Amino acid sequence: MTTRLVVRGTAEADITGAALWYEQRSPGLSAVFLRAVDVTLAEIPRVRCSSVTLPLSPGP
């Protein structure tokens, strides 16, 4: 079974805004940030299908 992850417009806009912020701080840093986002998003379907439980919010 294949799980498909959908990144909605608001989330995509947040990611784009963060990338622009990083790029303004240091040229090339947005590429590092976007690669990290891609790697993280690619892991979500795999983790979702495993027995790992992710917290909804950080603990105290």
N, C-alpha and C. Protein backbone atom coordinates (compact mmCIF):
# COMPACT_ATOMS: atom_id res chain seq x y z
N MET A 1 0.84 -1.18 0.00
CA MET A 1 0.00 0.00 0.00
C MET A 1 0.89 1.24 0.00
N THR A 2 0.61 2.18 -0.89
CA THR A 2 1.37 3.41 -0.98
C THR A 2 0.62 4.53 -0.28
N THR A 3 1.33 5.25 0.57
CA THR A 3 0.75 6.40 1.25
C THR A 3 1.20 7.65 0.53
N ARG A 4 0.27 8.52 0.25
CA ARG A 4 0.57 9.76 -0.45
C ARG A 4 0.48 10.92 0.53
N LEU A 5 1.48 11.76 0.54
CA LEU A 5 1.51 12.93 1.41
C LEU A 5 1.15 14.15 0.58
N VAL A 6 0.20 14.92 1.06
CA VAL A 6 -0.22 16.14 0.37
C VAL A 6 0.22 17.34 1.20
N VAL A 7 0.97 18.23 0.59
CA VAL A 7 1.36 19.48 1.25
C VAL A 7 0.42 20.56 0.73
N ARG A 8 -0.41 21.05 1.60
CA ARG A 8 -1.41 22.04 1.21
C ARG A 8 -0.79 23.42 0.99
N GLY A 9 -1.53 24.28 0.35
CA GLY A 9 -1.04 25.60 -0.04
C GLY A 9 -0.48 26.42 1.11
N THR A 10 -1.15 26.40 2.26
CA THR A 10 -0.67 27.18 3.40
C THR A 10 0.68 26.67 3.87
N ALA A 11 0.83 25.35 3.96
CA ALA A 11 2.11 24.77 4.39
C ALA A 11 3.19 25.07 3.36
N GLU A 12 2.85 24.97 2.10
CA GLU A 12 3.83 25.27 1.05
C GLU A 12 4.27 26.73 1.12
N ALA A 13 3.33 27.63 1.39
CA ALA A 13 3.66 29.05 1.53
C ALA A 13 4.57 29.27 2.74
N ASP A 14 4.32 28.56 3.84
CA ASP A 14 5.18 28.67 5.03
C ASP A 14 6.60 28.20 4.72
N ILE A 15 6.70 27.09 4.00
CA ILE A 15 8.01 26.55 3.63
C ILE A 15 8.75 27.53 2.73
N THR A 16 8.05 28.08 1.76
CA THR A 16 8.66 29.05 0.84
C THR A 16 9.12 30.30 1.60
N GLY A 17 8.27 30.78 2.51
CA GLY A 17 8.65 31.94 3.31
C GLY A 17 9.86 31.69 4.16
N ALA A 18 9.93 30.52 4.76
CA ALA A 18 11.10 30.17 5.58
C ALA A 18 12.35 30.07 4.71
N ALA A 19 12.22 29.50 3.53
CA ALA A 19 13.37 29.39 2.62
C ALA A 19 13.88 30.77 2.23
N LEU A 20 12.98 31.69 1.96
CA LEU A 20 13.39 33.05 1.62
C LEU A 20 14.09 33.71 2.80
N TRP A 21 13.59 33.49 4.00
CA TRP A 21 14.21 34.05 5.20
C TRP A 21 15.63 33.52 5.36
N TYR A 22 15.80 32.20 5.20
CA TYR A 22 17.14 31.60 5.30
C TYR A 22 18.08 32.16 4.23
N GLU A 23 17.58 32.32 3.03
CA GLU A 23 18.40 32.82 1.93
C GLU A 23 18.86 34.25 2.20
N GLN A 24 18.00 35.05 2.81
CA GLN A 24 18.39 36.43 3.15
C GLN A 24 19.48 36.45 4.22
N ARG A 25 19.48 35.47 5.10
CA ARG A 25 20.49 35.40 6.16
C ARG A 25 21.83 34.95 5.63
N SER A 26 21.81 33.99 4.70
CA SER A 26 23.05 33.44 4.18
C SER A 26 22.78 32.81 2.80
N PRO A 27 23.35 33.38 1.73
CA PRO A 27 23.12 32.83 0.40
C PRO A 27 23.45 31.33 0.35
N GLY A 28 22.52 30.58 -0.21
CA GLY A 28 22.68 29.13 -0.33
C GLY A 28 22.04 28.35 0.81
N LEU A 29 21.74 29.03 1.91
CA LEU A 29 21.16 28.33 3.06
C LEU A 29 19.75 27.83 2.78
N SER A 30 19.04 28.51 1.88
CA SER A 30 17.69 28.04 1.55
C SER A 30 17.72 26.66 0.90
N ALA A 31 18.76 26.38 0.12
CA ALA A 31 18.89 25.06 -0.52
C ALA A 31 19.07 23.97 0.53
N VAL A 32 19.85 24.28 1.56
CA VAL A 32 20.05 23.33 2.66
C VAL A 32 18.73 23.09 3.38
N PHE A 33 18.01 24.18 3.66
CA PHE A 33 16.72 24.08 4.33
C PHE A 33 15.73 23.26 3.51
N LEU A 34 15.61 23.57 2.22
CA LEU A 34 14.64 22.86 1.38
C LEU A 34 14.99 21.38 1.23
N ARG A 35 16.27 21.06 1.20
CA ARG A 35 16.68 19.64 1.16
C ARG A 35 16.26 18.94 2.44
N ALA A 36 16.42 19.61 3.58
CA ALA A 36 16.00 19.02 4.86
C ALA A 36 14.50 18.82 4.89
N VAL A 37 13.75 19.76 4.35
CA VAL A 37 12.29 19.61 4.28
C VAL A 37 11.93 18.42 3.41
N ASP A 38 12.57 18.29 2.24
CA ASP A 38 12.29 17.16 1.34
C ASP A 38 12.57 15.83 2.02
N VAL A 39 13.71 15.73 2.69
CA VAL A 39 14.07 14.48 3.37
C VAL A 39 13.06 14.16 4.46
N THR A 40 12.68 15.17 5.23
CA THR A 40 11.72 14.97 6.32
C THR A 40 10.35 14.56 5.78
N LEU A 41 9.88 15.23 4.75
CA LEU A 41 8.56 14.89 4.19
C LEU A 41 8.56 13.49 3.58
N ALA A 42 9.68 13.08 3.01
CA ALA A 42 9.78 11.74 2.43
C ALA A 42 9.68 10.66 3.50
N GLU A 43 10.08 10.98 4.73
CA GLU A 43 10.04 10.01 5.82
C GLU A 43 8.66 9.85 6.44
N ILE A 44 7.79 10.82 6.28
CA ILE A 44 6.49 10.78 6.95
C ILE A 44 5.68 9.54 6.58
N PRO A 45 5.51 9.19 5.32
CA PRO A 45 4.73 7.97 5.02
C PRO A 45 5.35 6.71 5.62
N ARG A 46 6.67 6.62 5.63
CA ARG A 46 7.33 5.45 6.19
C ARG A 46 7.11 5.37 7.70
N VAL A 47 7.28 6.47 8.39
CA VAL A 47 7.10 6.49 9.84
C VAL A 47 5.64 6.28 10.20
N ARG A 48 4.75 6.86 9.42
CA ARG A 48 3.31 6.72 9.68
C ARG A 48 2.88 5.27 9.64
N CYS A 49 3.50 4.48 8.80
CA CYS A 49 3.12 3.08 8.65
C CYS A 49 3.84 2.16 9.62
N SER A 50 4.76 2.71 10.40
CA SER A 50 5.49 1.88 11.35
C SER A 50 4.78 1.89 12.69
N SER A 51 5.39 1.26 13.64
CA SER A 51 4.77 1.20 14.97
C SER A 51 5.19 2.37 15.85
N VAL A 52 5.88 3.36 15.26
CA VAL A 52 6.33 4.52 16.02
C VAL A 52 5.15 5.46 16.24
N THR A 53 5.03 5.95 17.47
CA THR A 53 4.00 6.94 17.80
C THR A 53 4.67 8.27 17.98
N LEU A 54 4.23 9.26 17.23
CA LEU A 54 4.80 10.60 17.32
C LEU A 54 3.89 11.46 18.18
N PRO A 55 4.47 12.27 19.09
CA PRO A 55 3.64 13.14 19.91
C PRO A 55 3.04 14.27 19.07
N LEU A 56 1.87 14.72 19.49
CA LEU A 56 1.24 15.83 18.79
C LEU A 56 1.90 17.16 19.12
N SER A 57 2.45 17.26 20.29
CA SER A 57 3.15 18.48 20.69
C SER A 57 4.29 18.10 21.61
N PRO A 58 5.31 18.97 21.67
CA PRO A 58 6.43 18.65 22.55
C PRO A 58 6.00 18.63 24.01
N GLY A 59 6.66 17.79 24.76
CA GLY A 59 6.36 17.71 26.18
C GLY A 59 6.98 18.85 26.95
N PRO A 60 6.72 18.90 28.24
CA PRO A 60 7.26 20.00 29.06
C PRO A 60 8.77 19.99 29.16
